[in-house]
Amino acid sequence: MLTLFFILTLLVIGHFVADFCDFMYLGGIYRRILKAKLEYKGLYWLYVHGLVNGICYGLIAALFVTITSPIVLVVICIETILHGGIDHLKSFYYHKNSISYTDKGYWVALGIDQMLHYFTIIGLTYLIYAFA
């Protein structure tokens, strides 16, 4: 049970680091991702963002299974696709409704976005734990 909680905690920390920390400012990646999220342009960058999250989660999974385990690649793929897809839907909603961060709808959509990311984290926690 402690291992399960530890995996969950590390994935939540990984989500925070990959989503909100300064390393994404390097090379203008953050600017491109933010533009893709807010303006519904450059969807490629939303999936690059998902891949950043996926790699973080894959590295965390590798702490509990061997780095060569197929589960590491599965975690990376699941997170990349789901994270990119969730952000894609949020971006589409912002664009379709001309929403900016000053609108209530922006914050509601952001809350739903984060909730879906945490549901993904819960699922990945059990997946990693099952192979640990």
N, C-alpha and C. Protein backbone atom coordinates (compact mmCIF):
# COMPACT_ATOMS: atom_id res chain seq x y z
N MET A 1 0.82 -1.20 0.00
CA MET A 1 0.00 0.00 0.00
C MET A 1 0.86 1.26 0.00
N LEU A 2 1.97 1.22 0.71
CA LEU A 2 2.88 2.35 0.74
C LEU A 2 3.47 2.61 -0.64
N THR A 3 3.77 1.53 -1.35
CA THR A 3 4.31 1.67 -2.71
C THR A 3 3.28 2.35 -3.62
N LEU A 4 2.04 1.98 -3.49
CA LEU A 4 0.96 2.58 -4.29
C LEU A 4 0.89 4.09 -4.03
N PHE A 5 0.91 4.47 -2.77
CA PHE A 5 0.87 5.88 -2.41
C PHE A 5 2.11 6.62 -2.91
N PHE A 6 3.26 5.98 -2.84
CA PHE A 6 4.51 6.58 -3.29
C PHE A 6 4.49 6.83 -4.80
N ILE A 7 3.99 5.85 -5.56
CA ILE A 7 3.86 6.02 -7.02
C ILE A 7 2.93 7.20 -7.32
N LEU A 8 1.78 7.23 -6.65
CA LEU A 8 0.81 8.31 -6.85
C LEU A 8 1.44 9.67 -6.54
N THR A 9 2.14 9.75 -5.42
CA THR A 9 2.79 11.01 -5.03
C THR A 9 3.81 11.45 -6.06
N LEU A 10 4.64 10.53 -6.54
CA LEU A 10 5.64 10.90 -7.54
C LEU A 10 5.01 11.33 -8.86
N LEU A 11 3.93 10.68 -9.27
CA LEU A 11 3.26 11.08 -10.50
C LEU A 11 2.62 12.47 -10.37
N VAL A 12 2.06 12.79 -9.21
CA VAL A 12 1.50 14.13 -8.99
C VAL A 12 2.61 15.17 -9.04
N ILE A 13 3.74 14.88 -8.41
CA ILE A 13 4.90 15.79 -8.47
C ILE A 13 5.38 15.91 -9.92
N GLY A 14 5.45 14.79 -10.63
CA GLY A 14 5.86 14.80 -12.03
C GLY A 14 4.93 15.64 -12.88
N HIS A 15 3.64 15.56 -12.60
CA HIS A 15 2.66 16.38 -13.33
C HIS A 15 2.92 17.86 -13.08
N PHE A 16 3.15 18.21 -11.85
CA PHE A 16 3.43 19.61 -11.53
C PHE A 16 4.69 20.10 -12.23
N VAL A 17 5.74 19.31 -12.16
CA VAL A 17 7.02 19.70 -12.78
C VAL A 17 6.85 19.85 -14.29
N ALA A 18 6.23 18.86 -14.93
CA ALA A 18 6.10 18.88 -16.39
C ALA A 18 5.12 19.96 -16.86
N ASP A 19 4.11 20.27 -16.06
CA ASP A 19 3.09 21.24 -16.48
C ASP A 19 3.42 22.68 -16.13
N PHE A 20 4.08 22.89 -15.01
CA PHE A 20 4.15 24.25 -14.49
C PHE A 20 5.55 24.79 -14.18
N CYS A 21 6.58 24.00 -14.32
CA CYS A 21 7.90 24.47 -13.88
C CYS A 21 8.71 25.12 -14.99
N ASP A 22 9.69 25.86 -14.59
CA ASP A 22 10.45 26.74 -15.48
C ASP A 22 11.26 26.04 -16.55
N PHE A 23 11.55 24.75 -16.44
CA PHE A 23 12.40 24.13 -17.46
C PHE A 23 11.75 24.20 -18.84
N MET A 24 10.43 24.36 -18.88
CA MET A 24 9.76 24.44 -20.18
C MET A 24 9.98 25.79 -20.85
N TYR A 25 10.51 26.75 -20.13
CA TYR A 25 10.82 28.04 -20.74
C TYR A 25 12.03 27.93 -21.66
N LEU A 26 12.81 26.87 -21.51
CA LEU A 26 14.00 26.71 -22.33
C LEU A 26 13.63 26.56 -23.79
N GLY A 27 14.34 27.24 -24.63
CA GLY A 27 14.16 27.10 -26.08
C GLY A 27 12.81 27.57 -26.61
N GLY A 28 12.09 28.36 -25.84
CA GLY A 28 10.81 28.88 -26.31
C GLY A 28 9.70 27.84 -26.37
N ILE A 29 9.93 26.67 -25.80
CA ILE A 29 8.91 25.62 -25.85
C ILE A 29 7.65 26.08 -25.14
N TYR A 30 7.82 26.70 -23.99
CA TYR A 30 6.66 27.13 -23.21
C TYR A 30 5.78 28.09 -24.01
N ARG A 31 6.41 29.04 -24.68
CA ARG A 31 5.67 30.04 -25.47
C ARG A 31 4.86 29.34 -26.56
N ARG A 32 5.46 28.37 -27.22
CA ARG A 32 4.75 27.66 -28.29
C ARG A 32 3.58 26.84 -27.74
N ILE A 33 3.82 26.18 -26.61
CA ILE A 33 2.76 25.38 -26.00
C ILE A 33 1.62 26.28 -25.52
N LEU A 34 1.95 27.38 -24.88
CA LEU A 34 0.93 28.30 -24.40
C LEU A 34 0.11 28.85 -25.56
N LYS A 35 0.78 29.22 -26.64
CA LYS A 35 0.06 29.72 -27.82
C LYS A 35 -0.87 28.64 -28.38
N ALA A 36 -0.38 27.40 -28.43
CA ALA A 36 -1.21 26.30 -28.93
C ALA A 36 -2.43 26.10 -28.04
N LYS A 37 -2.25 26.22 -26.72
CA LYS A 37 -3.36 26.03 -25.79
C LYS A 37 -4.39 27.15 -25.89
N LEU A 38 -3.92 28.38 -25.96
CA LEU A 38 -4.84 29.52 -25.91
C LEU A 38 -5.44 29.89 -27.26
N GLU A 39 -4.71 29.66 -28.33
CA GLU A 39 -5.17 30.11 -29.64
C GLU A 39 -5.59 28.97 -30.56
N TYR A 40 -5.52 27.76 -30.09
CA TYR A 40 -5.86 26.58 -30.87
C TYR A 40 -5.04 26.54 -32.16
N LYS A 41 -3.76 26.88 -32.00
CA LYS A 41 -2.81 26.82 -33.11
C LYS A 41 -1.64 25.97 -32.68
N GLY A 42 -1.09 25.25 -33.62
CA GLY A 42 0.08 24.45 -33.31
C GLY A 42 -0.24 23.27 -32.42
N LEU A 43 -1.24 22.49 -32.82
CA LEU A 43 -1.62 21.33 -32.00
C LEU A 43 -0.46 20.37 -31.80
N TYR A 44 0.49 20.38 -32.71
CA TYR A 44 1.71 19.61 -32.55
C TYR A 44 2.33 19.88 -31.18
N TRP A 45 2.34 21.15 -30.77
CA TRP A 45 2.97 21.52 -29.51
C TRP A 45 2.20 21.01 -28.31
N LEU A 46 0.89 20.81 -28.45
CA LEU A 46 0.13 20.23 -27.35
C LEU A 46 0.58 18.78 -27.11
N TYR A 47 0.87 18.08 -28.20
CA TYR A 47 1.31 16.70 -28.05
C TYR A 47 2.78 16.61 -27.65
N VAL A 48 3.57 17.61 -28.01
CA VAL A 48 4.94 17.70 -27.48
C VAL A 48 4.86 17.87 -25.96
N HIS A 49 3.95 18.72 -25.53
CA HIS A 49 3.72 18.93 -24.10
C HIS A 49 3.29 17.61 -23.44
N GLY A 50 2.39 16.88 -24.10
CA GLY A 50 1.98 15.57 -23.59
C GLY A 50 3.15 14.62 -23.50
N LEU A 51 4.05 14.69 -24.49
CA LEU A 51 5.24 13.83 -24.49
C LEU A 51 6.18 14.19 -23.33
N VAL A 52 6.32 15.47 -23.03
CA VAL A 52 7.13 15.88 -21.87
C VAL A 52 6.57 15.23 -20.61
N ASN A 53 5.26 15.30 -20.45
CA ASN A 53 4.62 14.65 -19.30
C ASN A 53 4.84 13.13 -19.36
N GLY A 54 4.67 12.56 -20.54
CA GLY A 54 4.84 11.11 -20.69
C GLY A 54 6.23 10.65 -20.33
N ILE A 55 7.25 11.40 -20.73
CA ILE A 55 8.63 11.03 -20.40
C ILE A 55 8.85 11.13 -18.89
N CYS A 56 8.31 12.19 -18.27
CA CYS A 56 8.43 12.29 -16.80
C CYS A 56 7.79 11.08 -16.12
N TYR A 57 6.60 10.71 -16.58
CA TYR A 57 5.90 9.57 -15.98
C TYR A 57 6.64 8.26 -16.27
N GLY A 58 7.21 8.15 -17.46
CA GLY A 58 7.97 6.96 -17.80
C GLY A 58 9.20 6.80 -16.91
N LEU A 59 9.87 7.90 -16.64
CA LEU A 59 11.03 7.86 -15.74
C LEU A 59 10.60 7.44 -14.33
N ILE A 60 9.44 7.93 -13.90
CA ILE A 60 8.93 7.52 -12.59
C ILE A 60 8.58 6.04 -12.60
N ALA A 61 7.95 5.57 -13.66
CA ALA A 61 7.63 4.14 -13.76
C ALA A 61 8.90 3.29 -13.71
N ALA A 62 9.97 3.79 -14.33
CA ALA A 62 11.23 3.05 -14.37
C ALA A 62 11.85 2.88 -12.98
N LEU A 63 11.43 3.69 -12.03
CA LEU A 63 11.91 3.53 -10.66
C LEU A 63 11.34 2.26 -10.01
N PHE A 64 10.23 1.77 -10.55
CA PHE A 64 9.53 0.64 -9.95
C PHE A 64 9.61 -0.63 -10.78
N VAL A 65 9.95 -0.49 -12.05
CA VAL A 65 10.18 -1.64 -12.94
C VAL A 65 11.51 -1.39 -13.63
N THR A 66 12.02 -2.34 -14.35
CA THR A 66 13.28 -2.09 -15.06
C THR A 66 13.04 -1.11 -16.20
N ILE A 67 14.06 -0.34 -16.53
CA ILE A 67 13.94 0.68 -17.57
C ILE A 67 13.59 0.05 -18.92
N THR A 68 13.95 -1.20 -19.11
CA THR A 68 13.67 -1.89 -20.37
C THR A 68 12.29 -2.56 -20.39
N SER A 69 11.57 -2.46 -19.30
CA SER A 69 10.24 -3.06 -19.24
C SER A 69 9.30 -2.36 -20.23
N PRO A 70 8.50 -3.13 -20.95
CA PRO A 70 7.55 -2.53 -21.89
C PRO A 70 6.56 -1.58 -21.21
N ILE A 71 6.34 -1.77 -19.91
CA ILE A 71 5.39 -0.92 -19.21
C ILE A 71 5.83 0.54 -19.22
N VAL A 72 7.13 0.79 -19.26
CA VAL A 72 7.63 2.17 -19.31
C VAL A 72 7.16 2.84 -20.60
N LEU A 73 7.29 2.15 -21.72
CA LEU A 73 6.84 2.68 -23.00
C LEU A 73 5.32 2.84 -23.03
N VAL A 74 4.62 1.89 -22.45
CA VAL A 74 3.15 1.97 -22.38
C VAL A 74 2.73 3.22 -21.60
N VAL A 75 3.37 3.46 -20.46
CA VAL A 75 3.06 4.64 -19.65
C VAL A 75 3.32 5.92 -20.45
N ILE A 76 4.46 5.97 -21.13
CA ILE A 76 4.80 7.15 -21.93
C ILE A 76 3.74 7.37 -23.01
N CYS A 77 3.37 6.32 -23.71
CA CYS A 77 2.38 6.45 -24.79
C CYS A 77 1.01 6.87 -24.27
N ILE A 78 0.55 6.22 -23.21
CA ILE A 78 -0.77 6.55 -22.65
C ILE A 78 -0.80 8.01 -22.21
N GLU A 79 0.21 8.44 -21.47
CA GLU A 79 0.22 9.81 -20.97
C GLU A 79 0.34 10.82 -22.11
N THR A 80 1.19 10.54 -23.08
CA THR A 80 1.35 11.46 -24.21
C THR A 80 0.02 11.66 -24.94
N ILE A 81 -0.65 10.58 -25.25
CA ILE A 81 -1.91 10.65 -26.00
C ILE A 81 -3.01 11.29 -25.17
N LEU A 82 -3.18 10.85 -23.92
CA LEU A 82 -4.26 11.40 -23.10
C LEU A 82 -4.00 12.85 -22.71
N HIS A 83 -2.77 13.17 -22.33
CA HIS A 83 -2.48 14.54 -21.92
C HIS A 83 -2.64 15.49 -23.11
N GLY A 84 -2.07 15.11 -24.23
CA GLY A 84 -2.22 15.93 -25.43
C GLY A 84 -3.67 16.07 -25.84
N GLY A 85 -4.42 14.98 -25.76
CA GLY A 85 -5.84 15.00 -26.13
C GLY A 85 -6.69 15.86 -25.20
N ILE A 86 -6.44 15.76 -23.90
CA ILE A 86 -7.17 16.57 -22.93
C ILE A 86 -6.88 18.06 -23.18
N ASP A 87 -5.62 18.39 -23.36
CA ASP A 87 -5.27 19.79 -23.62
C ASP A 87 -5.81 20.26 -24.97
N HIS A 88 -5.87 19.36 -25.93
CA HIS A 88 -6.44 19.68 -27.24
C HIS A 88 -7.92 20.06 -27.09
N LEU A 89 -8.67 19.26 -26.34
CA LEU A 89 -10.09 19.55 -26.12
C LEU A 89 -10.28 20.87 -25.39
N LYS A 90 -9.45 21.13 -24.39
CA LYS A 90 -9.55 22.39 -23.66
C LYS A 90 -9.24 23.56 -24.59
N SER A 91 -8.22 23.42 -25.39
CA SER A 91 -7.85 24.47 -26.34
C SER A 91 -8.97 24.73 -27.33
N PHE A 92 -9.59 23.65 -27.83
CA PHE A 92 -10.71 23.78 -28.75
C PHE A 92 -11.86 24.55 -28.09
N TYR A 93 -12.16 24.23 -26.84
CA TYR A 93 -13.22 24.91 -26.10
C TYR A 93 -12.90 26.40 -25.95
N TYR A 94 -11.67 26.72 -25.58
CA TYR A 94 -11.27 28.12 -25.46
C TYR A 94 -11.46 28.85 -26.79
N HIS A 95 -10.99 28.23 -27.85
CA HIS A 95 -11.06 28.86 -29.17
C HIS A 95 -12.50 29.03 -29.65
N LYS A 96 -13.28 27.98 -29.53
CA LYS A 96 -14.67 28.01 -30.01
C LYS A 96 -15.50 29.06 -29.29
N ASN A 97 -15.21 29.26 -28.02
CA ASN A 97 -16.01 30.18 -27.21
C ASN A 97 -15.31 31.52 -26.95
N SER A 98 -14.18 31.76 -27.62
CA SER A 98 -13.41 33.00 -27.46
C SER A 98 -13.18 33.33 -25.99
N ILE A 99 -12.65 32.36 -25.28
CA ILE A 99 -12.45 32.50 -23.83
C ILE A 99 -11.01 32.90 -23.53
N SER A 100 -10.85 33.81 -22.59
CA SER A 100 -9.52 34.19 -22.11
C SER A 100 -9.47 33.94 -20.60
N TYR A 101 -8.30 34.13 -20.03
CA TYR A 101 -8.12 33.82 -18.60
C TYR A 101 -8.95 34.73 -17.69
N THR A 102 -9.54 35.78 -18.20
CA THR A 102 -10.40 36.65 -17.38
C THR A 102 -11.83 36.15 -17.31
N ASP A 103 -12.16 35.13 -18.09
CA ASP A 103 -13.52 34.58 -18.11
C ASP A 103 -13.65 33.41 -17.14
N LYS A 104 -14.82 33.29 -16.53
CA LYS A 104 -15.08 32.17 -15.62
C LYS A 104 -14.91 30.83 -16.32
N GLY A 105 -15.35 30.76 -17.59
CA GLY A 105 -15.25 29.52 -18.35
C GLY A 105 -13.83 29.01 -18.50
N TYR A 106 -12.88 29.95 -18.53
CA TYR A 106 -11.47 29.56 -18.61
C TYR A 106 -11.09 28.73 -17.38
N TRP A 107 -11.47 29.21 -16.22
CA TRP A 107 -11.08 28.55 -14.98
C TRP A 107 -11.84 27.26 -14.76
N VAL A 108 -13.10 27.22 -15.18
CA VAL A 108 -13.87 25.97 -15.09
C VAL A 108 -13.23 24.92 -15.99
N ALA A 109 -12.90 25.31 -17.23
CA ALA A 109 -12.26 24.37 -18.16
C ALA A 109 -10.89 23.93 -17.63
N LEU A 110 -10.15 24.85 -17.03
CA LEU A 110 -8.85 24.48 -16.46
C LEU A 110 -9.03 23.48 -15.32
N GLY A 111 -10.05 23.69 -14.49
CA GLY A 111 -10.33 22.75 -13.40
C GLY A 111 -10.70 21.37 -13.92
N ILE A 112 -11.53 21.32 -14.96
CA ILE A 112 -11.90 20.03 -15.56
C ILE A 112 -10.67 19.38 -16.18
N ASP A 113 -9.86 20.17 -16.85
CA ASP A 113 -8.61 19.70 -17.45
C ASP A 113 -7.72 19.04 -16.38
N GLN A 114 -7.53 19.72 -15.27
CA GLN A 114 -6.68 19.17 -14.21
C GLN A 114 -7.29 17.92 -13.59
N MET A 115 -8.62 17.92 -13.42
CA MET A 115 -9.29 16.74 -12.88
C MET A 115 -9.06 15.53 -13.79
N LEU A 116 -9.18 15.73 -15.10
CA LEU A 116 -8.95 14.62 -16.04
C LEU A 116 -7.49 14.15 -16.00
N HIS A 117 -6.57 15.10 -15.85
CA HIS A 117 -5.16 14.71 -15.73
C HIS A 117 -4.95 13.86 -14.46
N TYR A 118 -5.60 14.23 -13.37
CA TYR A 118 -5.43 13.46 -12.14
C TYR A 118 -6.12 12.10 -12.22
N PHE A 119 -7.22 12.00 -12.94
CA PHE A 119 -7.82 10.68 -13.17
C PHE A 119 -6.85 9.79 -13.95
N THR A 120 -6.17 10.39 -14.93
CA THR A 120 -5.15 9.65 -15.68
C THR A 120 -4.04 9.18 -14.75
N ILE A 121 -3.61 10.06 -13.87
CA ILE A 121 -2.56 9.73 -12.90
C ILE A 121 -2.99 8.55 -12.03
N ILE A 122 -4.24 8.56 -11.58
CA ILE A 122 -4.73 7.46 -10.74
C ILE A 122 -4.68 6.14 -11.52
N GLY A 123 -5.13 6.17 -12.76
CA GLY A 123 -5.07 4.96 -13.59
C GLY A 123 -3.65 4.47 -13.82
N LEU A 124 -2.76 5.40 -14.12
CA LEU A 124 -1.35 5.03 -14.34
C LEU A 124 -0.69 4.53 -13.06
N THR A 125 -1.11 5.06 -11.93
CA THR A 125 -0.59 4.59 -10.65
C THR A 125 -0.88 3.10 -10.48
N TYR A 126 -2.11 2.70 -10.73
CA TYR A 126 -2.47 1.28 -10.61
C TYR A 126 -1.77 0.43 -11.66
N LEU A 127 -1.60 0.96 -12.85
CA LEU A 127 -0.90 0.22 -13.91
C LEU A 127 0.55 -0.04 -13.51
N ILE A 128 1.23 0.99 -13.07
CA ILE A 128 2.63 0.84 -12.64
C ILE A 128 2.72 -0.10 -11.44
N TYR A 129 1.82 0.07 -10.49
CA TYR A 129 1.83 -0.78 -9.29
C TYR A 129 1.63 -2.25 -9.64
N ALA A 130 0.79 -2.52 -10.65
CA ALA A 130 0.52 -3.90 -11.04
C ALA A 130 1.77 -4.59 -11.60
N PHE A 131 2.72 -3.80 -12.13
CA PHE A 131 3.93 -4.39 -12.70
C PHE A 131 5.15 -4.18 -11.83
N ALA A 132 4.98 -3.51 -10.69
CA ALA A 132 6.12 -3.23 -9.79
C ALA A 132 6.54 -4.48 -9.04
